[in-house]
Amino acid sequence: MATLVMDSYVEEALKAERRASGADRFDEVWEGVYMMAPMPNDEHQGIVSRLGAILEEVVGWPGHGKVRPGVNVSDREEEWEHNYRCPDVVVFLQGTRARNCDTHWVGGPDFLVEVISPQDKSREKLDFYARVGTREVLLVDRDPWQLELYRLEGETFSLVGKSTVQEATSGAVLQSKAVPLSLRLVPGDPRPQIEVTHHASEKTWLI
């Protein structure tokens, strides 16, 4: 259930409480509207942690770019707190057009991941990510399980493809052009797993 808080005292008290507890780490501001994101569950955090580790191995440690488990991405350098999003995982390659302003990045990552949780608005962020020039977005949906890869074509995203467990046997693979990885869903227990393959070495991980 969405809640609209009109009392400025209650608003500031609630934001201060979230800052003190660290719960505001995932909060965002959409054109001046403060968005309180639901806290990710353990499964969500596990996916983010392992995808980040894989990206560090193939991009970060070899010196091909920077990998971060979430940063503030804005469309402006000054007064950025008025409009920013916090993806779950981001990759900024060497030579990226985005600028690191320490508190935030201006411009889109070369690759980012959003793990969808109940009641979040990950899909509604796509227009913003396209507007700031994000090259690719991977959505990890868990209800029902599927992977979706979007690639920037001009000023909008095109859906490169989807991977579901039902398609796994037919080799439904999502191949990134931004990072040297391919991904697909495969059956698992108690949940489907994300199979990640490195293009050059063909090393494979299961998440």
N, C-alpha and C. Protein backbone atom coordinates (compact mmCIF):
# COMPACT_ATOMS: atom_id res chain seq x y z
N MET A 1 0.84 -1.19 0.00
CA MET A 1 0.00 0.00 0.00
C MET A 1 0.88 1.25 0.00
N ALA A 2 0.67 2.14 -0.95
CA ALA A 2 1.42 3.39 -1.02
C ALA A 2 0.91 4.37 0.03
N THR A 3 1.82 5.18 0.60
CA THR A 3 1.45 6.16 1.61
C THR A 3 1.96 7.52 1.19
N LEU A 4 1.08 8.51 1.15
CA LEU A 4 1.45 9.88 0.82
C LEU A 4 1.52 10.68 2.11
N VAL A 5 2.71 11.16 2.45
CA VAL A 5 2.92 11.92 3.69
C VAL A 5 2.90 13.41 3.37
N MET A 6 1.93 14.12 3.91
CA MET A 6 1.79 15.55 3.66
C MET A 6 2.35 16.40 4.80
N ASP A 7 2.58 15.77 5.95
CA ASP A 7 3.08 16.49 7.13
C ASP A 7 4.61 16.55 7.04
N SER A 8 5.18 17.75 6.90
CA SER A 8 6.63 17.90 6.74
C SER A 8 7.39 17.42 7.97
N TYR A 9 6.81 17.57 9.16
CA TYR A 9 7.47 17.11 10.38
C TYR A 9 7.60 15.58 10.36
N VAL A 10 6.51 14.90 10.01
CA VAL A 10 6.53 13.45 9.93
C VAL A 10 7.49 13.00 8.84
N GLU A 11 7.50 13.72 7.71
CA GLU A 11 8.40 13.39 6.61
C GLU A 11 9.85 13.43 7.05
N GLU A 12 10.26 14.53 7.69
CA GLU A 12 11.65 14.66 8.12
C GLU A 12 12.01 13.64 9.19
N ALA A 13 11.09 13.37 10.10
CA ALA A 13 11.35 12.39 11.15
C ALA A 13 11.53 10.99 10.55
N LEU A 14 10.72 10.66 9.56
CA LEU A 14 10.81 9.35 8.92
C LEU A 14 12.12 9.21 8.15
N LYS A 15 12.50 10.27 7.42
CA LYS A 15 13.76 10.23 6.68
C LYS A 15 14.95 10.14 7.62
N ALA A 16 14.90 10.87 8.75
CA ALA A 16 15.99 10.82 9.73
C ALA A 16 16.11 9.43 10.33
N GLU A 17 14.96 8.81 10.58
CA GLU A 17 14.97 7.45 11.14
C GLU A 17 15.60 6.47 10.16
N ARG A 18 15.29 6.62 8.87
CA ARG A 18 15.85 5.73 7.85
C ARG A 18 17.35 5.97 7.70
N ARG A 19 17.78 7.23 7.78
CA ARG A 19 19.21 7.52 7.70
C ARG A 19 19.96 6.88 8.87
N ALA A 20 19.39 6.98 10.06
CA ALA A 20 20.04 6.45 11.26
C ALA A 20 20.17 4.93 11.21
N SER A 21 19.19 4.27 10.62
CA SER A 21 19.21 2.80 10.57
C SER A 21 19.93 2.26 9.34
N GLY A 22 20.21 3.15 8.38
CA GLY A 22 20.83 2.70 7.13
C GLY A 22 19.83 2.23 6.10
N ALA A 23 18.54 2.31 6.41
CA ALA A 23 17.51 1.85 5.48
C ALA A 23 17.39 2.75 4.26
N ASP A 24 17.93 3.97 4.34
CA ASP A 24 17.81 4.91 3.22
C ASP A 24 18.82 4.62 2.11
N ARG A 25 19.66 3.61 2.28
CA ARG A 25 20.67 3.30 1.28
C ARG A 25 20.07 3.06 -0.08
N PHE A 26 18.85 2.55 -0.11
CA PHE A 26 18.22 2.20 -1.38
C PHE A 26 17.14 3.20 -1.80
N ASP A 27 16.99 4.28 -1.02
CA ASP A 27 15.99 5.29 -1.37
C ASP A 27 16.46 6.12 -2.55
N GLU A 28 15.51 6.69 -3.27
CA GLU A 28 15.80 7.48 -4.47
C GLU A 28 14.94 8.74 -4.46
N VAL A 29 15.28 9.67 -5.35
CA VAL A 29 14.44 10.84 -5.55
C VAL A 29 14.15 10.94 -7.04
N TRP A 30 12.87 10.97 -7.38
CA TRP A 30 12.42 11.05 -8.77
C TRP A 30 11.82 12.42 -9.00
N GLU A 31 12.59 13.30 -9.63
CA GLU A 31 12.12 14.66 -9.91
C GLU A 31 11.49 15.29 -8.67
N GLY A 32 12.24 15.23 -7.57
CA GLY A 32 11.81 15.88 -6.34
C GLY A 32 10.92 15.05 -5.44
N VAL A 33 10.50 13.87 -5.89
CA VAL A 33 9.64 13.00 -5.08
C VAL A 33 10.50 11.94 -4.42
N TYR A 34 10.50 11.91 -3.09
CA TYR A 34 11.32 10.97 -2.34
C TYR A 34 10.67 9.58 -2.39
N MET A 35 11.43 8.60 -2.87
CA MET A 35 10.93 7.24 -3.05
C MET A 35 11.61 6.32 -2.04
N MET A 36 10.84 5.74 -1.15
CA MET A 36 11.38 4.82 -0.15
C MET A 36 11.27 3.40 -0.68
N ALA A 37 12.39 2.82 -1.03
CA ALA A 37 12.39 1.48 -1.61
C ALA A 37 12.28 0.42 -0.51
N PRO A 38 11.63 -0.71 -0.82
CA PRO A 38 11.58 -1.80 0.16
C PRO A 38 12.97 -2.39 0.38
N MET A 39 13.26 -2.79 1.61
CA MET A 39 14.54 -3.41 1.89
C MET A 39 14.65 -4.74 1.14
N PRO A 40 15.79 -4.98 0.47
CA PRO A 40 15.94 -6.24 -0.26
C PRO A 40 16.04 -7.42 0.68
N ASN A 41 15.45 -8.56 0.26
CA ASN A 41 15.56 -9.75 1.10
C ASN A 41 16.90 -10.45 0.86
N ASP A 42 17.11 -11.56 1.53
CA ASP A 42 18.40 -12.25 1.46
C ASP A 42 18.70 -12.75 0.04
N GLU A 43 17.68 -13.28 -0.64
CA GLU A 43 17.88 -13.78 -2.00
C GLU A 43 18.32 -12.64 -2.93
N HIS A 44 17.65 -11.50 -2.81
CA HIS A 44 17.99 -10.32 -3.60
C HIS A 44 19.45 -9.94 -3.38
N GLN A 45 19.87 -9.85 -2.13
CA GLN A 45 21.23 -9.45 -1.82
C GLN A 45 22.25 -10.48 -2.30
N GLY A 46 21.88 -11.76 -2.24
CA GLY A 46 22.78 -12.79 -2.73
C GLY A 46 23.03 -12.68 -4.23
N ILE A 47 21.97 -12.41 -4.98
CA ILE A 47 22.11 -12.24 -6.43
C ILE A 47 23.00 -11.04 -6.74
N VAL A 48 22.74 -9.93 -6.06
CA VAL A 48 23.54 -8.71 -6.27
C VAL A 48 25.01 -8.96 -5.93
N SER A 49 25.26 -9.61 -4.80
CA SER A 49 26.63 -9.86 -4.37
C SER A 49 27.39 -10.73 -5.37
N ARG A 50 26.76 -11.79 -5.85
CA ARG A 50 27.46 -12.71 -6.75
C ARG A 50 27.63 -12.12 -8.15
N LEU A 51 26.62 -11.42 -8.66
CA LEU A 51 26.80 -10.76 -9.95
C LEU A 51 27.90 -9.72 -9.87
N GLY A 52 27.93 -8.98 -8.77
CA GLY A 52 28.99 -7.99 -8.58
C GLY A 52 30.36 -8.64 -8.54
N ALA A 53 30.47 -9.78 -7.87
CA ALA A 53 31.75 -10.48 -7.78
C ALA A 53 32.23 -10.97 -9.15
N ILE A 54 31.30 -11.50 -9.95
CA ILE A 54 31.65 -11.96 -11.29
C ILE A 54 32.11 -10.80 -12.15
N LEU A 55 31.39 -9.70 -12.09
CA LEU A 55 31.76 -8.52 -12.88
C LEU A 55 33.10 -7.95 -12.43
N GLU A 56 33.39 -8.02 -11.13
CA GLU A 56 34.72 -7.60 -10.66
C GLU A 56 35.80 -8.47 -11.27
N GLU A 57 35.54 -9.78 -11.35
CA GLU A 57 36.55 -10.70 -11.88
C GLU A 57 36.84 -10.46 -13.36
N VAL A 58 35.81 -10.14 -14.15
CA VAL A 58 36.01 -10.03 -15.59
C VAL A 58 36.18 -8.58 -16.07
N VAL A 59 35.80 -7.61 -15.24
CA VAL A 59 35.90 -6.20 -15.63
C VAL A 59 36.76 -5.39 -14.66
N GLY A 60 36.44 -5.47 -13.37
CA GLY A 60 37.11 -4.63 -12.38
C GLY A 60 38.57 -4.95 -12.17
N TRP A 61 38.89 -6.19 -11.76
CA TRP A 61 40.27 -6.55 -11.47
C TRP A 61 41.18 -6.49 -12.70
N PRO A 62 40.71 -6.85 -13.90
CA PRO A 62 41.59 -6.71 -15.07
C PRO A 62 41.82 -5.26 -15.50
N GLY A 63 41.11 -4.31 -14.87
CA GLY A 63 41.32 -2.90 -15.19
C GLY A 63 40.51 -2.39 -16.36
N HIS A 64 39.43 -3.09 -16.70
CA HIS A 64 38.61 -2.67 -17.83
C HIS A 64 37.56 -1.63 -17.44
N GLY A 65 37.37 -1.44 -16.15
CA GLY A 65 36.37 -0.48 -15.70
C GLY A 65 36.12 -0.59 -14.22
N LYS A 66 35.10 0.13 -13.76
CA LYS A 66 34.73 0.15 -12.34
C LYS A 66 33.41 -0.57 -12.15
N VAL A 67 33.35 -1.41 -11.11
CA VAL A 67 32.14 -2.14 -10.76
C VAL A 67 31.73 -1.70 -9.36
N ARG A 68 30.45 -1.38 -9.21
CA ARG A 68 29.96 -0.91 -7.91
C ARG A 68 28.65 -1.62 -7.56
N PRO A 69 28.50 -2.00 -6.27
CA PRO A 69 27.22 -2.59 -5.83
C PRO A 69 26.22 -1.50 -5.50
N GLY A 70 25.88 -0.70 -6.51
CA GLY A 70 24.92 0.38 -6.33
C GLY A 70 25.60 1.72 -6.13
N VAL A 71 25.22 2.70 -6.93
CA VAL A 71 25.67 4.07 -6.78
C VAL A 71 24.49 4.99 -7.09
N ASN A 72 24.64 6.27 -6.77
CA ASN A 72 23.64 7.25 -7.15
C ASN A 72 23.91 7.68 -8.59
N VAL A 73 22.94 7.49 -9.47
CA VAL A 73 23.05 7.89 -10.87
C VAL A 73 22.08 9.04 -11.11
N SER A 74 22.61 10.17 -11.56
CA SER A 74 21.78 11.36 -11.77
C SER A 74 21.95 11.89 -13.18
N ASP A 75 21.09 12.84 -13.52
CA ASP A 75 21.16 13.50 -14.82
C ASP A 75 21.74 14.91 -14.69
N ARG A 76 22.29 15.23 -13.51
CA ARG A 76 22.82 16.57 -13.28
C ARG A 76 23.96 16.54 -12.28
N GLU A 77 24.86 17.51 -12.41
CA GLU A 77 25.99 17.61 -11.50
C GLU A 77 25.62 18.37 -10.24
N GLU A 78 24.95 19.51 -10.40
CA GLU A 78 24.52 20.32 -9.26
C GLU A 78 23.09 19.93 -8.87
N GLU A 79 22.82 20.00 -7.57
CA GLU A 79 21.49 19.68 -7.05
C GLU A 79 21.02 18.30 -7.52
N TRP A 80 21.96 17.37 -7.57
CA TRP A 80 21.65 16.04 -8.05
C TRP A 80 20.66 15.31 -7.15
N GLU A 81 20.59 15.73 -5.86
CA GLU A 81 19.69 15.06 -4.92
C GLU A 81 18.23 15.21 -5.33
N HIS A 82 17.96 16.08 -6.30
CA HIS A 82 16.59 16.29 -6.77
C HIS A 82 16.13 15.18 -7.71
N ASN A 83 17.09 14.44 -8.29
CA ASN A 83 16.71 13.42 -9.28
C ASN A 83 17.83 12.39 -9.43
N TYR A 84 17.67 11.23 -8.84
CA TYR A 84 18.68 10.17 -8.97
C TYR A 84 18.05 8.81 -8.74
N ARG A 85 18.73 7.79 -9.27
CA ARG A 85 18.31 6.40 -9.09
C ARG A 85 19.50 5.61 -8.55
N CYS A 86 19.20 4.47 -7.91
CA CYS A 86 20.25 3.63 -7.31
C CYS A 86 20.14 2.20 -7.84
N PRO A 87 20.78 1.88 -8.97
CA PRO A 87 20.74 0.51 -9.48
C PRO A 87 21.41 -0.45 -8.50
N ASP A 88 21.10 -1.74 -8.63
CA ASP A 88 21.69 -2.73 -7.73
C ASP A 88 23.17 -2.97 -8.01
N VAL A 89 23.55 -3.06 -9.28
CA VAL A 89 24.95 -3.24 -9.68
C VAL A 89 25.19 -2.36 -10.90
N VAL A 90 26.35 -1.71 -10.95
CA VAL A 90 26.68 -0.89 -12.12
C VAL A 90 28.10 -1.17 -12.59
N VAL A 91 28.32 -0.96 -13.90
CA VAL A 91 29.65 -1.07 -14.49
C VAL A 91 29.90 0.18 -15.32
N PHE A 92 31.00 0.86 -15.03
CA PHE A 92 31.46 1.98 -15.84
C PHE A 92 32.78 1.56 -16.48
N LEU A 93 32.77 1.37 -17.78
CA LEU A 93 33.97 0.92 -18.48
C LEU A 93 34.97 2.06 -18.66
N GLN A 94 36.23 1.69 -18.93
CA GLN A 94 37.23 2.70 -19.27
C GLN A 94 36.74 3.50 -20.47
N GLY A 95 36.84 4.82 -20.40
CA GLY A 95 36.37 5.67 -21.48
C GLY A 95 34.89 5.97 -21.44
N THR A 96 34.21 5.59 -20.35
CA THR A 96 32.78 5.86 -20.23
C THR A 96 32.49 7.35 -20.34
N ARG A 97 31.33 7.67 -20.87
CA ARG A 97 30.94 9.07 -20.99
C ARG A 97 30.38 9.61 -19.67
N ALA A 98 30.05 8.73 -18.73
CA ALA A 98 29.56 9.17 -17.42
C ALA A 98 30.70 9.80 -16.62
N ARG A 99 30.35 10.72 -15.72
CA ARG A 99 31.34 11.43 -14.91
C ARG A 99 31.15 11.08 -13.43
N ASN A 100 32.26 10.76 -12.78
CA ASN A 100 32.25 10.44 -11.36
C ASN A 100 32.36 11.73 -10.56
N CYS A 101 31.30 12.06 -9.82
CA CYS A 101 31.29 13.27 -8.99
C CYS A 101 31.46 12.92 -7.52
N ASP A 102 31.93 11.75 -7.22
CA ASP A 102 32.18 11.24 -5.88
C ASP A 102 30.89 10.87 -5.15
N THR A 103 29.99 11.83 -4.95
CA THR A 103 28.71 11.51 -4.30
C THR A 103 27.78 10.79 -5.24
N HIS A 104 27.99 10.97 -6.56
CA HIS A 104 27.09 10.40 -7.56
C HIS A 104 27.80 10.37 -8.91
N TRP A 105 27.20 9.70 -9.85
CA TRP A 105 27.67 9.69 -11.23
C TRP A 105 26.66 10.44 -12.09
N VAL A 106 27.15 11.27 -12.97
CA VAL A 106 26.30 11.96 -13.93
C VAL A 106 26.39 11.21 -15.26
N GLY A 107 25.27 10.71 -15.73
CA GLY A 107 25.26 9.90 -16.94
C GLY A 107 25.10 8.43 -16.61
N GLY A 108 24.70 7.68 -17.61
CA GLY A 108 24.38 6.29 -17.37
C GLY A 108 25.57 5.36 -17.38
N PRO A 109 25.49 4.26 -16.63
CA PRO A 109 26.53 3.22 -16.67
C PRO A 109 26.55 2.54 -18.03
N ASP A 110 27.62 1.81 -18.30
CA ASP A 110 27.67 1.00 -19.50
C ASP A 110 26.81 -0.25 -19.35
N PHE A 111 26.68 -0.72 -18.11
CA PHE A 111 25.88 -1.91 -17.83
C PHE A 111 25.35 -1.77 -16.42
N LEU A 112 24.09 -2.11 -16.22
CA LEU A 112 23.55 -2.09 -14.86
C LEU A 112 22.57 -3.22 -14.68
N VAL A 113 22.37 -3.59 -13.41
CA VAL A 113 21.47 -4.66 -13.03
C VAL A 113 20.44 -4.14 -12.05
N GLU A 114 19.19 -4.49 -12.28
CA GLU A 114 18.12 -4.26 -11.32
C GLU A 114 17.49 -5.60 -10.99
N VAL A 115 17.52 -5.99 -9.71
CA VAL A 115 16.84 -7.19 -9.25
C VAL A 115 15.47 -6.75 -8.73
N ILE A 116 14.43 -7.24 -9.35
CA ILE A 116 13.08 -6.77 -9.03
C ILE A 116 12.58 -7.41 -7.74
N SER A 117 12.04 -6.57 -6.86
CA SER A 117 11.44 -7.02 -5.62
C SER A 117 9.97 -6.59 -5.60
N PRO A 118 9.16 -7.24 -4.76
CA PRO A 118 7.75 -6.85 -4.69
C PRO A 118 7.60 -5.36 -4.39
N GLN A 119 6.73 -4.71 -5.11
CA GLN A 119 6.34 -3.31 -4.91
C GLN A 119 7.44 -2.31 -5.30
N ASP A 120 8.56 -2.77 -5.89
CA ASP A 120 9.53 -1.77 -6.32
C ASP A 120 9.15 -1.29 -7.73
N LYS A 121 9.90 -0.34 -8.24
CA LYS A 121 9.54 0.30 -9.50
C LYS A 121 10.69 0.20 -10.51
N SER A 122 11.34 -0.95 -10.53
CA SER A 122 12.50 -1.12 -11.41
C SER A 122 12.17 -0.86 -12.88
N ARG A 123 11.03 -1.37 -13.33
CA ARG A 123 10.67 -1.20 -14.75
C ARG A 123 10.41 0.27 -15.08
N GLU A 124 9.91 1.00 -14.10
CA GLU A 124 9.61 2.41 -14.32
C GLU A 124 10.87 3.27 -14.38
N LYS A 125 12.02 2.68 -14.05
CA LYS A 125 13.28 3.41 -14.13
C LYS A 125 13.88 3.39 -15.54
N LEU A 126 13.37 2.53 -16.41
CA LEU A 126 14.00 2.34 -17.71
C LEU A 126 14.07 3.63 -18.52
N ASP A 127 13.03 4.44 -18.50
CA ASP A 127 13.05 5.69 -19.26
C ASP A 127 14.17 6.61 -18.76
N PHE A 128 14.35 6.67 -17.44
CA PHE A 128 15.42 7.49 -16.88
C PHE A 128 16.78 6.95 -17.30
N TYR A 129 16.96 5.63 -17.19
CA TYR A 129 18.24 5.03 -17.56
C TYR A 129 18.57 5.27 -19.03
N ALA A 130 17.55 5.22 -19.88
CA ALA A 130 17.79 5.52 -21.30
C ALA A 130 18.15 6.98 -21.48
N ARG A 131 17.47 7.85 -20.78
CA ARG A 131 17.69 9.28 -20.93
C ARG A 131 19.11 9.70 -20.54
N VAL A 132 19.69 9.01 -19.55
CA VAL A 132 21.05 9.38 -19.13
C VAL A 132 22.12 8.61 -19.91
N GLY A 133 21.70 7.75 -20.85
CA GLY A 133 22.66 7.11 -21.74
C GLY A 133 23.19 5.77 -21.29
N THR A 134 22.45 5.04 -20.47
CA THR A 134 22.87 3.70 -20.05
C THR A 134 22.88 2.78 -21.27
N ARG A 135 23.97 2.04 -21.46
CA ARG A 135 24.08 1.20 -22.67
C ARG A 135 23.24 -0.07 -22.57
N GLU A 136 23.29 -0.75 -21.43
CA GLU A 136 22.52 -1.99 -21.27
C GLU A 136 21.97 -2.09 -19.86
N VAL A 137 20.78 -2.70 -19.77
CA VAL A 137 20.14 -2.95 -18.47
C VAL A 137 19.72 -4.42 -18.42
N LEU A 138 20.11 -5.09 -17.33
CA LEU A 138 19.66 -6.45 -17.08
C LEU A 138 18.64 -6.42 -15.95
N LEU A 139 17.43 -6.86 -16.23
CA LEU A 139 16.40 -7.00 -15.20
C LEU A 139 16.33 -8.46 -14.78
N VAL A 140 16.41 -8.68 -13.47
CA VAL A 140 16.24 -10.03 -12.92
C VAL A 140 14.90 -10.06 -12.21
N ASP A 141 13.92 -10.66 -12.87
CA ASP A 141 12.57 -10.75 -12.31
C ASP A 141 12.41 -12.09 -11.63
N ARG A 142 11.81 -12.09 -10.44
CA ARG A 142 11.68 -13.33 -9.68
C ARG A 142 10.23 -13.76 -9.50
N ASP A 143 9.30 -13.10 -10.18
CA ASP A 143 7.88 -13.45 -10.03
C ASP A 143 7.10 -13.09 -11.28
N PRO A 144 7.08 -14.00 -12.29
CA PRO A 144 7.81 -15.28 -12.36
C PRO A 144 9.26 -15.03 -12.74
N TRP A 145 10.08 -16.06 -12.58
CA TRP A 145 11.50 -15.93 -12.86
C TRP A 145 11.75 -15.72 -14.35
N GLN A 146 12.48 -14.66 -14.67
CA GLN A 146 12.95 -14.43 -16.03
C GLN A 146 14.03 -13.35 -16.02
N LEU A 147 14.90 -13.41 -17.01
CA LEU A 147 15.91 -12.39 -17.22
C LEU A 147 15.51 -11.60 -18.46
N GLU A 148 15.71 -10.27 -18.41
CA GLU A 148 15.42 -9.43 -19.56
C GLU A 148 16.64 -8.53 -19.79
N LEU A 149 17.13 -8.49 -21.02
CA LEU A 149 18.26 -7.63 -21.36
C LEU A 149 17.79 -6.56 -22.33
N TYR A 150 18.05 -5.30 -21.95
CA TYR A 150 17.69 -4.15 -22.77
C TYR A 150 18.96 -3.45 -23.23
N ARG A 151 18.94 -2.97 -24.49
CA ARG A 151 20.11 -2.28 -25.05
C ARG A 151 19.66 -0.96 -25.64
N LEU A 152 20.45 0.09 -25.41
CA LEU A 152 20.09 1.41 -25.89
C LEU A 152 20.25 1.48 -27.41
N GLU A 153 19.18 1.85 -28.08
CA GLU A 153 19.17 2.04 -29.53
C GLU A 153 18.69 3.47 -29.78
N GLY A 154 19.60 4.36 -30.10
CA GLY A 154 19.23 5.76 -30.21
C GLY A 154 18.98 6.34 -28.84
N GLU A 155 17.74 6.75 -28.56
CA GLU A 155 17.42 7.35 -27.27
C GLU A 155 16.50 6.47 -26.44
N THR A 156 16.19 5.27 -26.92
CA THR A 156 15.31 4.37 -26.18
C THR A 156 15.90 2.97 -26.11
N PHE A 157 15.37 2.17 -25.20
CA PHE A 157 15.83 0.80 -25.05
C PHE A 157 15.07 -0.13 -25.98
N SER A 158 15.79 -1.10 -26.51
CA SER A 158 15.18 -2.21 -27.24
C SER A 158 15.40 -3.48 -26.41
N LEU A 159 14.38 -4.32 -26.37
CA LEU A 159 14.51 -5.58 -25.66
C LEU A 159 15.34 -6.54 -26.49
N VAL A 160 16.53 -6.89 -26.00
CA VAL A 160 17.40 -7.84 -26.70
C VAL A 160 16.80 -9.23 -26.64
N GLY A 161 16.26 -9.59 -25.46
CA GLY A 161 15.66 -10.91 -25.32
C GLY A 161 15.32 -11.21 -23.88
N LYS A 162 14.59 -12.30 -23.69
CA LYS A 162 14.22 -12.80 -22.37
C LYS A 162 14.71 -14.23 -22.23
N SER A 163 15.03 -14.60 -21.01
CA SER A 163 15.41 -15.97 -20.73
C SER A 163 14.54 -16.48 -19.58
N THR A 164 13.85 -17.58 -19.81
CA THR A 164 13.04 -18.21 -18.78
C THR A 164 13.49 -19.66 -18.62
N VAL A 165 13.05 -20.27 -17.55
CA VAL A 165 13.41 -21.67 -17.32
C VAL A 165 12.84 -22.55 -18.42
N GLN A 166 11.63 -22.23 -18.88
CA GLN A 166 10.99 -23.03 -19.92
C GLN A 166 11.80 -23.00 -21.21
N GLU A 167 12.51 -21.89 -21.46
CA GLU A 167 13.29 -21.75 -22.69
C GLU A 167 14.71 -22.28 -22.54
N ALA A 168 15.10 -22.65 -21.31
CA ALA A 168 16.50 -22.99 -21.05
C ALA A 168 16.99 -24.14 -21.91
N THR A 169 16.12 -25.13 -22.13
CA THR A 169 16.56 -26.29 -22.90
C THR A 169 16.80 -25.97 -24.37
N SER A 170 16.21 -24.87 -24.85
CA SER A 170 16.40 -24.49 -26.26
C SER A 170 17.54 -23.49 -26.42
N GLY A 171 18.26 -23.22 -25.31
CA GLY A 171 19.45 -22.39 -25.40
C GLY A 171 19.18 -20.90 -25.46
N ALA A 172 18.14 -20.42 -24.78
CA ALA A 172 17.84 -18.99 -24.75
C ALA A 172 18.91 -18.27 -23.94
N VAL A 173 19.85 -17.63 -24.64
CA VAL A 173 21.00 -16.99 -23.99
C VAL A 173 20.97 -15.50 -24.30
N LEU A 174 21.21 -14.70 -23.28
CA LEU A 174 21.29 -13.25 -23.44
C LEU A 174 22.76 -12.85 -23.47
N GLN A 175 23.21 -12.34 -24.59
CA GLN A 175 24.63 -12.01 -24.75
C GLN A 175 24.82 -10.50 -24.68
N SER A 176 25.57 -10.07 -23.68
CA SER A 176 25.83 -8.64 -23.52
C SER A 176 26.89 -8.18 -24.52
N LYS A 177 26.73 -6.94 -24.98
CA LYS A 177 27.77 -6.31 -25.79
C LYS A 177 28.61 -5.34 -24.96
N ALA A 178 28.09 -4.98 -23.79
CA ALA A 178 28.79 -4.02 -22.93
C ALA A 178 29.84 -4.70 -22.05
N VAL A 179 29.49 -5.86 -21.52
CA VAL A 179 30.42 -6.63 -20.68
C VAL A 179 30.60 -8.02 -21.30
N PRO A 180 31.73 -8.70 -21.04
CA PRO A 180 32.01 -9.97 -21.73
C PRO A 180 31.32 -11.17 -21.11
N LEU A 181 29.99 -11.08 -20.98
CA LEU A 181 29.23 -12.14 -20.32
C LEU A 181 27.96 -12.47 -21.10
N SER A 182 27.56 -13.74 -21.00
CA SER A 182 26.26 -14.20 -21.47
C SER A 182 25.53 -14.79 -20.28
N LEU A 183 24.21 -14.64 -20.28
CA LEU A 183 23.41 -15.09 -19.14
C LEU A 183 22.17 -15.83 -19.62
N ARG A 184 21.74 -16.80 -18.82
CA ARG A 184 20.47 -17.46 -19.06
C ARG A 184 19.99 -18.09 -17.76
N LEU A 185 18.69 -18.37 -17.70
CA LEU A 185 18.11 -19.09 -16.57
C LEU A 185 18.17 -20.58 -16.84
N VAL A 186 18.47 -21.35 -15.80
CA VAL A 186 18.45 -22.80 -15.90
C VAL A 186 17.68 -23.34 -14.70
N PRO A 187 17.10 -24.54 -14.81
CA PRO A 187 16.36 -25.10 -13.67
C PRO A 187 17.25 -25.28 -12.45
N GLY A 188 16.66 -25.13 -11.28
CA GLY A 188 17.40 -25.31 -10.03
C GLY A 188 16.44 -25.65 -8.91
N ASP A 189 16.98 -25.93 -7.76
CA ASP A 189 16.19 -26.28 -6.60
C ASP A 189 16.79 -25.58 -5.37
N PRO A 190 16.04 -24.73 -4.67
CA PRO A 190 14.57 -24.58 -4.74
C PRO A 190 14.09 -23.51 -5.72
N ARG A 191 15.00 -22.88 -6.44
CA ARG A 191 14.60 -21.84 -7.39
C ARG A 191 15.47 -21.95 -8.64
N PRO A 192 15.05 -21.33 -9.74
CA PRO A 192 15.90 -21.30 -10.92
C PRO A 192 17.23 -20.62 -10.62
N GLN A 193 18.25 -20.96 -11.39
CA GLN A 193 19.56 -20.35 -11.22
C GLN A 193 19.93 -19.54 -12.46
N ILE A 194 20.77 -18.55 -12.23
CA ILE A 194 21.27 -17.73 -13.33
C ILE A 194 22.63 -18.28 -13.74
N GLU A 195 22.74 -18.75 -14.97
CA GLU A 195 24.00 -19.24 -15.49
C GLU A 195 24.71 -18.09 -16.20
N VAL A 196 25.92 -17.79 -15.76
CA VAL A 196 26.70 -16.69 -16.32
C VAL A 196 27.96 -17.27 -16.95
N THR A 197 28.23 -16.91 -18.20
CA THR A 197 29.39 -17.44 -18.92
C THR A 197 30.27 -16.31 -19.43
N HIS A 198 31.59 -16.43 -19.19
CA HIS A 198 32.54 -15.45 -19.69
C HIS A 198 32.85 -15.76 -21.15
N HIS A 199 32.75 -14.75 -22.01
CA HIS A 199 32.91 -14.96 -23.44
C HIS A 199 34.26 -15.58 -23.80
N ALA A 200 35.34 -15.03 -23.26
CA ALA A 200 36.68 -15.44 -23.69
C ALA A 200 37.08 -16.80 -23.11
N SER A 201 36.94 -16.97 -21.81
CA SER A 201 37.43 -18.18 -21.16
C SER A 201 36.39 -19.29 -21.12
N GLU A 202 35.11 -18.93 -21.35
CA GLU A 202 33.98 -19.86 -21.23
C GLU A 202 33.81 -20.36 -19.80
N LYS A 203 34.43 -19.68 -18.84
CA LYS A 203 34.19 -20.01 -17.45
C LYS A 203 32.74 -19.71 -17.12
N THR A 204 32.13 -20.60 -16.32
CA THR A 204 30.71 -20.49 -16.02
C THR A 204 30.48 -20.46 -14.51
N TRP A 205 29.54 -19.61 -14.11
CA TRP A 205 29.11 -19.52 -12.72
C TRP A 205 27.61 -19.76 -12.65
N LEU A 206 27.14 -20.27 -11.51
CA LEU A 206 25.70 -20.42 -11.24
C LEU A 206 25.35 -19.58 -10.03
N ILE A 207 24.34 -18.76 -10.17
CA ILE A 207 23.89 -17.87 -9.08
C ILE A 207 22.51 -18.32 -8.61
